[in-house]
């Protein structure tokens, strides 16, 4: 009989304290790390440039990234390598 009473008291304590323990142990949501900018290679001068700062052209659905408008113009004239 004492064992049953002891188990009932333990069960009540767990029920009463459980939500507080779960709230205490809950971790705040992880912050999403900032997306890193991708590097792309200029086909004319072979320089790597950040995608967000590149000069972009599209020809027949093919997107090409350049380090500068000058390299984009050279590419358009057919000069592929510096």
N, C-alpha and C. Protein backbone atom coordinates (compact mmCIF):
# COMPACT_ATOMS: atom_id res chain seq x y z
N UNK A 1 0.82 -1.18 0.00
CA UNK A 1 0.00 0.00 0.00
C UNK A 1 0.87 1.25 0.00
N UNK A 2 1.98 1.20 0.75
CA UNK A 2 2.87 2.35 0.78
C UNK A 2 3.50 2.59 -0.60
N UNK A 3 3.83 1.50 -1.27
CA UNK A 3 4.42 1.61 -2.61
C UNK A 3 3.47 2.27 -3.59
N UNK A 4 2.20 1.91 -3.50
CA UNK A 4 1.20 2.50 -4.39
C UNK A 4 1.04 3.99 -4.11
N UNK A 5 1.02 4.36 -2.85
CA UNK A 5 0.92 5.77 -2.47
C UNK A 5 2.16 6.54 -2.95
N UNK A 6 3.32 5.93 -2.80
CA UNK A 6 4.56 6.55 -3.25
C UNK A 6 4.53 6.79 -4.77
N UNK A 7 4.09 5.80 -5.54
CA UNK A 7 3.99 5.94 -6.99
C UNK A 7 2.99 7.01 -7.39
N UNK A 8 1.89 7.12 -6.65
CA UNK A 8 0.89 8.14 -6.95
C UNK A 8 1.46 9.53 -6.71
N UNK A 9 2.22 9.70 -5.64
CA UNK A 9 2.84 11.00 -5.35
C UNK A 9 3.86 11.35 -6.43
N UNK A 10 4.67 10.40 -6.82
CA UNK A 10 5.67 10.63 -7.88
C UNK A 10 4.97 11.01 -9.18
N UNK A 11 3.88 10.32 -9.50
CA UNK A 11 3.13 10.63 -10.73
C UNK A 11 2.58 12.05 -10.69
N UNK A 12 2.06 12.47 -9.56
CA UNK A 12 1.54 13.83 -9.43
C UNK A 12 2.66 14.87 -9.58
N UNK A 13 3.80 14.58 -9.01
CA UNK A 13 4.94 15.50 -9.12
C UNK A 13 5.37 15.63 -10.59
N UNK A 14 5.45 14.50 -11.27
CA UNK A 14 5.86 14.51 -12.69
C UNK A 14 4.85 15.29 -13.52
N UNK A 15 3.57 15.07 -13.26
CA UNK A 15 2.53 15.78 -14.00
C UNK A 15 2.58 17.28 -13.72
N UNK A 16 2.84 17.66 -12.48
CA UNK A 16 2.86 19.07 -12.11
C UNK A 16 4.11 19.78 -12.61
N UNK A 17 5.25 19.12 -12.56
CA UNK A 17 6.52 19.76 -12.88
C UNK A 17 6.91 19.55 -14.35
N UNK A 18 6.35 18.57 -15.00
CA UNK A 18 6.72 18.22 -16.38
C UNK A 18 6.69 19.38 -17.35
N UNK A 19 5.59 20.13 -17.45
CA UNK A 19 5.56 21.24 -18.41
C UNK A 19 6.63 22.30 -18.14
N UNK A 20 6.90 22.58 -16.88
CA UNK A 20 7.92 23.57 -16.56
C UNK A 20 9.30 23.08 -16.99
N UNK A 21 9.57 21.80 -16.79
CA UNK A 21 10.87 21.24 -17.19
C UNK A 21 11.00 21.26 -18.71
N UNK A 22 9.94 20.90 -19.42
CA UNK A 22 9.99 20.92 -20.88
C UNK A 22 10.19 22.33 -21.41
N UNK A 23 9.55 23.31 -20.80
CA UNK A 23 9.72 24.70 -21.23
C UNK A 23 11.14 25.17 -20.94
N UNK A 24 11.69 24.75 -19.82
CA UNK A 24 13.04 25.15 -19.46
C UNK A 24 14.07 24.54 -20.42
N UNK A 25 13.83 23.28 -20.81
CA UNK A 25 14.77 22.59 -21.68
C UNK A 25 14.61 22.95 -23.14
N UNK A 26 13.48 23.55 -23.48
CA UNK A 26 13.25 23.90 -24.88
C UNK A 26 14.28 24.92 -25.33
N UNK A 27 14.84 24.66 -26.47
CA UNK A 27 15.84 25.57 -27.01
C UNK A 27 15.16 26.57 -27.92
N UNK A 28 15.69 27.77 -27.95
CA UNK A 28 15.12 28.73 -28.90
C UNK A 28 15.38 28.24 -30.32
N UNK A 29 14.53 28.60 -31.25
CA UNK A 29 14.75 28.14 -32.63
C UNK A 29 16.07 28.66 -33.17
N UNK A 30 16.72 27.83 -33.94
CA UNK A 30 18.01 28.22 -34.51
C UNK A 30 17.81 29.32 -35.54
N UNK A 31 18.71 30.26 -35.47
CA UNK A 31 18.67 31.33 -36.47
C UNK A 31 19.21 30.77 -37.78
N UNK A 32 18.59 31.13 -38.86
CA UNK A 32 19.04 30.67 -40.17
C UNK A 32 20.31 31.44 -40.52
N UNK A 33 21.38 30.71 -40.82
CA UNK A 33 22.61 31.41 -41.14
C UNK A 33 22.44 32.21 -42.43
N UNK A 34 23.10 33.34 -42.51
CA UNK A 34 22.98 34.12 -43.74
C UNK A 34 23.52 33.34 -44.93
N UNK A 35 22.85 33.47 -46.04
CA UNK A 35 23.26 32.74 -47.23
C UNK A 35 24.55 33.36 -47.75
N UNK A 36 25.51 32.50 -47.98
CA UNK A 36 26.78 32.98 -48.49
C UNK A 36 26.65 33.23 -49.99
N UNK A 37 27.27 34.30 -50.43
CA UNK A 37 27.22 34.64 -51.84
C UNK A 37 28.13 33.69 -52.62
N UNK A 38 27.65 33.24 -53.73
CA UNK A 38 28.36 32.27 -54.55
C UNK A 38 29.39 32.98 -55.44
N UNK A 39 30.52 32.33 -55.66
CA UNK A 39 31.52 32.85 -56.58
C UNK A 39 31.29 32.25 -57.96
N UNK A 40 31.38 33.10 -58.98
CA UNK A 40 31.26 32.64 -60.36
C UNK A 40 32.51 33.08 -61.12
N UNK A 41 32.85 32.32 -62.16
CA UNK A 41 34.08 32.59 -62.90
C UNK A 41 33.78 33.33 -64.20
N UNK A 42 34.50 34.42 -64.40
CA UNK A 42 34.39 35.19 -65.63
C UNK A 42 35.06 34.39 -66.75
N UNK A 43 34.35 34.09 -67.85
CA UNK A 43 34.95 33.28 -68.91
C UNK A 43 36.01 34.03 -69.74
N UNK A 44 36.09 35.34 -69.62
CA UNK A 44 37.05 36.11 -70.40
C UNK A 44 38.38 36.21 -69.67
N UNK A 45 38.37 36.75 -68.46
CA UNK A 45 39.63 36.98 -67.74
C UNK A 45 39.89 35.94 -66.65
N UNK A 46 38.99 34.98 -66.51
CA UNK A 46 39.14 33.88 -65.54
C UNK A 46 39.15 34.35 -64.09
N UNK A 47 38.59 35.52 -63.82
CA UNK A 47 38.51 36.06 -62.47
C UNK A 47 37.24 35.55 -61.80
N UNK A 48 37.33 35.28 -60.50
CA UNK A 48 36.15 34.91 -59.73
C UNK A 48 35.54 36.17 -59.14
N UNK A 49 34.21 36.25 -59.24
CA UNK A 49 33.49 37.43 -58.76
C UNK A 49 32.25 36.96 -58.02
N UNK A 50 31.82 37.75 -57.04
CA UNK A 50 30.59 37.41 -56.32
C UNK A 50 29.40 37.48 -57.26
N UNK A 51 28.54 36.50 -57.17
CA UNK A 51 27.37 36.44 -58.04
C UNK A 51 26.53 37.71 -57.93
N UNK A 52 26.39 38.22 -56.71
CA UNK A 52 25.57 39.41 -56.51
C UNK A 52 26.17 40.66 -57.14
N UNK A 53 27.46 40.65 -57.44
CA UNK A 53 28.13 41.82 -58.01
C UNK A 53 28.55 41.60 -59.46
N UNK A 54 28.18 40.48 -60.02
CA UNK A 54 28.61 40.18 -61.39
C UNK A 54 27.72 40.89 -62.40
N UNK A 55 28.28 41.10 -63.58
CA UNK A 55 27.53 41.60 -64.73
C UNK A 55 27.02 40.36 -65.44
N UNK A 56 25.72 40.28 -65.63
CA UNK A 56 25.10 39.06 -66.15
C UNK A 56 24.51 39.31 -67.53
N UNK A 57 24.76 38.36 -68.43
CA UNK A 57 24.12 38.40 -69.74
C UNK A 57 23.45 37.06 -69.99
N UNK A 58 22.46 37.08 -70.87
CA UNK A 58 21.76 35.84 -71.22
C UNK A 58 21.67 35.77 -72.73
N UNK A 59 22.08 34.64 -73.29
CA UNK A 59 22.03 34.44 -74.73
C UNK A 59 21.49 33.05 -75.00
N UNK A 60 20.34 32.97 -75.64
CA UNK A 60 19.67 31.70 -75.93
C UNK A 60 19.45 30.86 -74.68
N UNK A 61 19.10 31.51 -73.59
CA UNK A 61 18.81 30.81 -72.35
C UNK A 61 20.03 30.47 -71.52
N UNK A 62 21.22 30.79 -72.02
CA UNK A 62 22.46 30.51 -71.28
C UNK A 62 22.87 31.79 -70.55
N UNK A 63 22.96 31.71 -69.23
CA UNK A 63 23.34 32.86 -68.41
C UNK A 63 24.85 32.83 -68.20
N UNK A 64 25.50 33.96 -68.46
CA UNK A 64 26.94 34.08 -68.29
C UNK A 64 27.22 35.27 -67.38
N UNK A 65 28.17 35.09 -66.46
CA UNK A 65 28.50 36.13 -65.49
C UNK A 65 29.90 36.66 -65.77
N UNK A 66 30.04 37.99 -65.62
CA UNK A 66 31.32 38.65 -65.89
C UNK A 66 31.70 39.54 -64.71
N UNK A 67 33.00 39.85 -64.64
CA UNK A 67 33.48 40.71 -63.55
C UNK A 67 33.23 42.18 -63.85
N UNK A 68 33.07 42.54 -65.13
CA UNK A 68 32.90 43.95 -65.50
C UNK A 68 32.16 44.05 -66.83
N UNK A 69 31.64 45.23 -67.13
CA UNK A 69 31.01 45.43 -68.45
C UNK A 69 32.02 45.28 -69.59
N UNK A 70 33.29 45.61 -69.33
CA UNK A 70 34.32 45.46 -70.36
C UNK A 70 34.49 43.99 -70.76
N UNK A 71 34.52 43.10 -69.78
CA UNK A 71 34.65 41.68 -70.09
C UNK A 71 33.40 41.17 -70.81
N UNK A 72 32.24 41.67 -70.45
CA UNK A 72 31.01 41.28 -71.14
C UNK A 72 31.06 41.72 -72.59
N UNK A 73 31.58 42.92 -72.85
CA UNK A 73 31.70 43.41 -74.23
C UNK A 73 32.72 42.59 -75.02
N UNK A 74 33.83 42.26 -74.40
CA UNK A 74 34.83 41.42 -75.07
C UNK A 74 34.26 40.06 -75.41
N UNK A 75 33.47 39.50 -74.50
CA UNK A 75 32.83 38.21 -74.74
C UNK A 75 31.87 38.31 -75.92
N UNK A 76 31.11 39.41 -75.98
CA UNK A 76 30.15 39.60 -77.08
C UNK A 76 30.86 39.75 -78.42
N UNK A 77 32.08 40.31 -78.42
CA UNK A 77 32.86 40.46 -79.66
C UNK A 77 33.55 39.16 -80.06
N UNK A 78 33.50 38.16 -79.19
CA UNK A 78 34.11 36.88 -79.52
C UNK A 78 35.46 36.65 -78.88
N UNK A 79 35.93 37.57 -78.07
CA UNK A 79 37.21 37.40 -77.37
C UNK A 79 36.95 36.59 -76.11
N UNK A 80 37.33 35.35 -76.11
CA UNK A 80 37.00 34.45 -75.00
C UNK A 80 38.04 34.46 -73.89
N UNK A 81 39.28 34.72 -74.20
CA UNK A 81 40.34 34.71 -73.18
C UNK A 81 41.12 36.01 -73.22
N UNK A 82 41.58 36.43 -72.06
CA UNK A 82 42.37 37.67 -71.98
C UNK A 82 43.78 37.43 -72.47
